[in-house]
Amino acid sequence: QQDSKVERAEKSFCNKLEKLITSFDNLAVAYDSGSMDDFNKAYNKAEKSWNKFENAADKLEQVEIEESQKAYDNLVKSVNEIDANASTIDTEGQINDQIDATATQIADILTVVCQ
């Protein structure tokens, strides 16, 4: 099964985060060594890791928002298709499914990006 855009962006984000943590660990070790050459090399690697992390975070945010927007647009479309004269919501669960899909996409943003 092919990963969704969101799953791929999440994996990239987490991978870049792990590399960033490692690069800062290496930076601390290089600092402790006292060698300016080692420190500069480690700092340059940490800086590159930071930039890659930032790009992955931006991409994840963009993809998460896009997927949430698609889910919300589907909800709006379903609501707009309800007969204006209807006295009850009888859409065979379609609206509820759209509400669930939208809520799930928003919860994914909260889980991945905000924690």
C-alpha atoms as a PDB file:
ATOM      1  CA  GLN A   1       0.000   0.000   0.000  1.00  0.00           C
ATOM      2  CA  GLN A   2       1.304   3.377  -1.020  1.00  0.00           C
ATOM      3  CA  ASP A   3       1.719   5.934   1.758  1.00  0.00           C
ATOM      4  CA  SER A   4      -0.416   9.027   1.559  1.00  0.00           C
ATOM      5  CA  LYS A   5       1.145  12.452   1.112  1.00  0.00           C
ATOM      6  CA  VAL A   6       0.647  13.093   4.804  1.00  0.00           C
ATOM      7  CA  GLU A   7       2.311   9.827   5.843  1.00  0.00           C
ATOM      8  CA  ARG A   8       5.285  10.510   3.583  1.00  0.00           C
ATOM      9  CA  ALA A   9       5.615  14.057   4.927  1.00  0.00           C
ATOM     10  CA  GLU A  10       5.354  12.762   8.514  1.00  0.00           C
ATOM     11  CA  LYS A  11       8.055  10.158   7.884  1.00  0.00           C
ATOM     12  CA  SER A  12      10.325  12.764   6.325  1.00  0.00           C
ATOM     13  CA  PHE A  13       9.720  15.153   9.222  1.00  0.00           C
ATOM     14  CA  CYS A  14      10.466  12.491  11.841  1.00  0.00           C
ATOM     15  CA  ASN A  15      13.550  11.316   9.954  1.00  0.00           C
ATOM     16  CA  LYS A  16      14.898  14.867   9.728  1.00  0.00           C
ATOM     17  CA  LEU A  17      14.121  15.422  13.407  1.00  0.00           C
ATOM     18  CA  GLU A  18      16.115  12.325  14.372  1.00  0.00           C
ATOM     19  CA  LYS A  19      19.045  13.497  12.229  1.00  0.00           C
ATOM     20  CA  LEU A  20      18.829  16.939  13.796  1.00  0.00           C
ATOM     21  CA  ILE A  21      18.988  15.474  17.301  1.00  0.00           C
ATOM     22  CA  THR A  22      21.998  13.368  16.287  1.00  0.00           C
ATOM     23  CA  SER A  23      23.738  16.380  14.777  1.00  0.00           C
ATOM     24  CA  PHE A  24      23.287  18.355  17.991  1.00  0.00           C
ATOM     25  CA  ASP A  25      24.588  15.415  20.019  1.00  0.00           C
ATOM     26  CA  ASN A  26      27.638  15.361  17.739  1.00  0.00           C
ATOM     27  CA  LEU A  27      28.004  19.121  18.138  1.00  0.00           C
ATOM     28  CA  ALA A  28      28.099  18.742  21.926  1.00  0.00           C
ATOM     29  CA  VAL A  29      30.747  16.016  21.652  1.00  0.00           C
ATOM     30  CA  ALA A  30      32.826  18.176  19.302  1.00  0.00           C
ATOM     31  CA  TYR A  31      32.528  21.113  21.695  1.00  0.00           C
ATOM     32  CA  ASP A  32      33.686  18.942  24.586  1.00  0.00           C
ATOM     33  CA  SER A  33      36.689  17.773  22.554  1.00  0.00           C
ATOM     34  CA  GLY A  34      38.030  21.319  22.503  1.00  0.00           C
ATOM     35  CA  SER A  35      39.091  21.100  18.850  1.00  0.00           C
ATOM     36  CA  MET A  36      37.892  24.136  16.905  1.00  0.00           C
ATOM     37  CA  ASP A  37      38.196  22.198  13.634  1.00  0.00           C
ATOM     38  CA  ASP A  38      35.963  19.374  14.946  1.00  0.00           C
ATOM     39  CA  PHE A  39      33.537  21.906  16.357  1.00  0.00           C
ATOM     40  CA  ASN A  40      33.273  23.842  13.069  1.00  0.00           C
ATOM     41  CA  LYS A  41      32.662  20.637  11.100  1.00  0.00           C
ATOM     42  CA  ALA A  42      29.993  19.515  13.565  1.00  0.00           C
ATOM     43  CA  TYR A  43      28.421  22.987  13.559  1.00  0.00           C
ATOM     44  CA  ASN A  44      28.211  23.000   9.756  1.00  0.00           C
ATOM     45  CA  LYS A  45      26.537  19.567   9.819  1.00  0.00           C
ATOM     46  CA  ALA A  46      24.109  20.735  12.521  1.00  0.00           C
ATOM     47  CA  GLU A  47      23.257  23.799  10.457  1.00  0.00           C
ATOM     48  CA  LYS A  48      22.535  21.643   7.393  1.00  0.00           C
ATOM     49  CA  SER A  49      20.419  19.310   9.525  1.00  0.00           C
ATOM     50  CA  TRP A  50      18.495  22.284  10.880  1.00  0.00           C
ATOM     51  CA  ASN A  51      17.762  23.587   7.371  1.00  0.00           C
ATOM     52  CA  LYS A  52      16.572  20.153   6.218  1.00  0.00           C
ATOM     53  CA  PHE A  53      14.425  19.870   9.340  1.00  0.00           C
ATOM     54  CA  GLU A  54      12.853  23.273   8.682  1.00  0.00           C
ATOM     55  CA  ASN A  55      12.059  22.315   5.086  1.00  0.00           C
ATOM     56  CA  ALA A  56      10.484  19.037   6.210  1.00  0.00           C
ATOM     57  CA  ALA A  57       8.424  20.891   8.840  1.00  0.00           C
ATOM     58  CA  ASP A  58       7.206  23.380   6.232  1.00  0.00           C
ATOM     59  CA  LYS A  59       6.303  20.560   3.851  1.00  0.00           C
ATOM     60  CA  LEU A  60       4.499  18.624   6.580  1.00  0.00           C
ATOM     61  CA  GLU A  61       2.486  21.683   7.570  1.00  0.00           C
ATOM     62  CA  GLN A  62       1.579  22.361   3.937  1.00  0.00           C
ATOM     63  CA  VAL A  63       0.515  18.757   3.295  1.00  0.00           C
ATOM     64  CA  GLU A  64      -1.426  18.534   6.573  1.00  0.00           C
ATOM     65  CA  ILE A  65      -3.320  21.739   5.742  1.00  0.00           C
ATOM     66  CA  GLU A  66      -4.008  20.569   2.173  1.00  0.00           C
ATOM     67  CA  GLU A  67      -5.454  17.261   3.376  1.00  0.00           C
ATOM     68  CA  SER A  68      -7.583  19.020   6.009  1.00  0.00           C
ATOM     69  CA  GLN A  69      -8.827  21.465   3.366  1.00  0.00           C
ATOM     70  CA  LYS A  70      -9.815  18.602   1.048  1.00  0.00           C
ATOM     71  CA  ALA A  71     -11.702  16.873   3.852  1.00  0.00           C
ATOM     72  CA  TYR A  72     -13.473  20.109   4.831  1.00  0.00           C
ATOM     73  CA  ASP A  73     -14.354  20.876   1.195  1.00  0.00           C
ATOM     74  CA  ASN A  74     -15.956  17.426   0.919  1.00  0.00           C
ATOM     75  CA  LEU A  75     -17.970  18.145   4.054  1.00  0.00           C
ATOM     76  CA  VAL A  76     -19.173  21.484   2.661  1.00  0.00           C
ATOM     77  CA  LYS A  77     -20.096  19.811  -0.637  1.00  0.00           C
ATOM     78  CA  SER A  78     -22.113  17.154   1.184  1.00  0.00           C
ATOM     79  CA  VAL A  79     -23.916  19.757   3.280  1.00  0.00           C
ATOM     80  CA  ASN A  80     -24.706  21.827   0.186  1.00  0.00           C
ATOM     81  CA  GLU A  81     -26.241  18.771  -1.475  1.00  0.00           C
ATOM     82  CA  ILE A  82     -28.873  18.393   1.256  1.00  0.00           C
ATOM     83  CA  ASP A  83     -32.331  19.174  -0.042  1.00  0.00           C
ATOM     84  CA  ALA A  84     -33.301  22.632   1.190  1.00  0.00           C
ATOM     85  CA  ASN A  85     -36.774  21.325   2.108  1.00  0.00           C
ATOM     86  CA  ALA A  86     -35.510  18.393   4.166  1.00  0.00           C
ATOM     87  CA  SER A  87     -36.651  18.363   7.775  1.00  0.00           C
ATOM     88  CA  THR A  88     -34.137  15.711   8.840  1.00  0.00           C
ATOM     89  CA  ILE A  89     -30.599  14.923   7.839  1.00  0.00           C
ATOM     90  CA  ASP A  90     -31.031  11.776   5.789  1.00  0.00           C
ATOM     91  CA  THR A  91     -27.814  11.385   3.823  1.00  0.00           C
ATOM     92  CA  GLU A  92     -26.980   7.764   4.677  1.00  0.00           C
ATOM     93  CA  GLY A  93     -24.116   8.740   6.916  1.00  0.00           C
ATOM     94  CA  GLN A  94     -22.308  10.708   4.230  1.00  0.00           C
ATOM     95  CA  ILE A  95     -22.163  13.912   6.280  1.00  0.00           C
ATOM     96  CA  ASN A  96     -21.057  12.045   9.385  1.00  0.00           C
ATOM     97  CA  ASP A  97     -18.296  10.389   7.364  1.00  0.00           C
ATOM     98  CA  GLN A  98     -17.161  13.789   6.107  1.00  0.00           C
ATOM     99  CA  ILE A  99     -17.225  15.227   9.632  1.00  0.00           C
ATOM    100  CA  ASP A 100     -15.136  12.279  10.843  1.00  0.00           C
ATOM    101  CA  ALA A 101     -12.658  12.636   7.963  1.00  0.00           C
ATOM    102  CA  THR A 102     -12.225  16.356   8.607  1.00  0.00           C
ATOM    103  CA  ALA A 103     -11.808  15.843  12.348  1.00  0.00           C
ATOM    104  CA  THR A 104      -9.255  13.093  11.718  1.00  0.00           C
ATOM    105  CA  GLN A 105      -7.177  15.329   9.443  1.00  0.00           C
ATOM    106  CA  ILE A 106      -7.222  18.140  12.005  1.00  0.00           C
ATOM    107  CA  ALA A 107      -6.336  15.724  14.818  1.00  0.00           C
ATOM    108  CA  ASP A 108      -3.373  14.510  12.726  1.00  0.00           C
ATOM    109  CA  ILE A 109      -2.051  18.067  12.604  1.00  0.00           C
ATOM    110  CA  LEU A 110      -2.390  18.372  16.359  1.00  0.00           C
ATOM    111  CA  THR A 111      -0.709  15.033  17.011  1.00  0.00           C
ATOM    112  CA  VAL A 112       2.206  15.387  14.625  1.00  0.00           C
ATOM    113  CA  VAL A 113       2.860  19.098  14.467  1.00  0.00           C
ATOM    114  CA  CYS A 114       1.829  20.324  17.907  1.00  0.00           C
ATOM    115  CA  GLN A 115       3.198  17.601  20.197  1.00  0.00           C
END
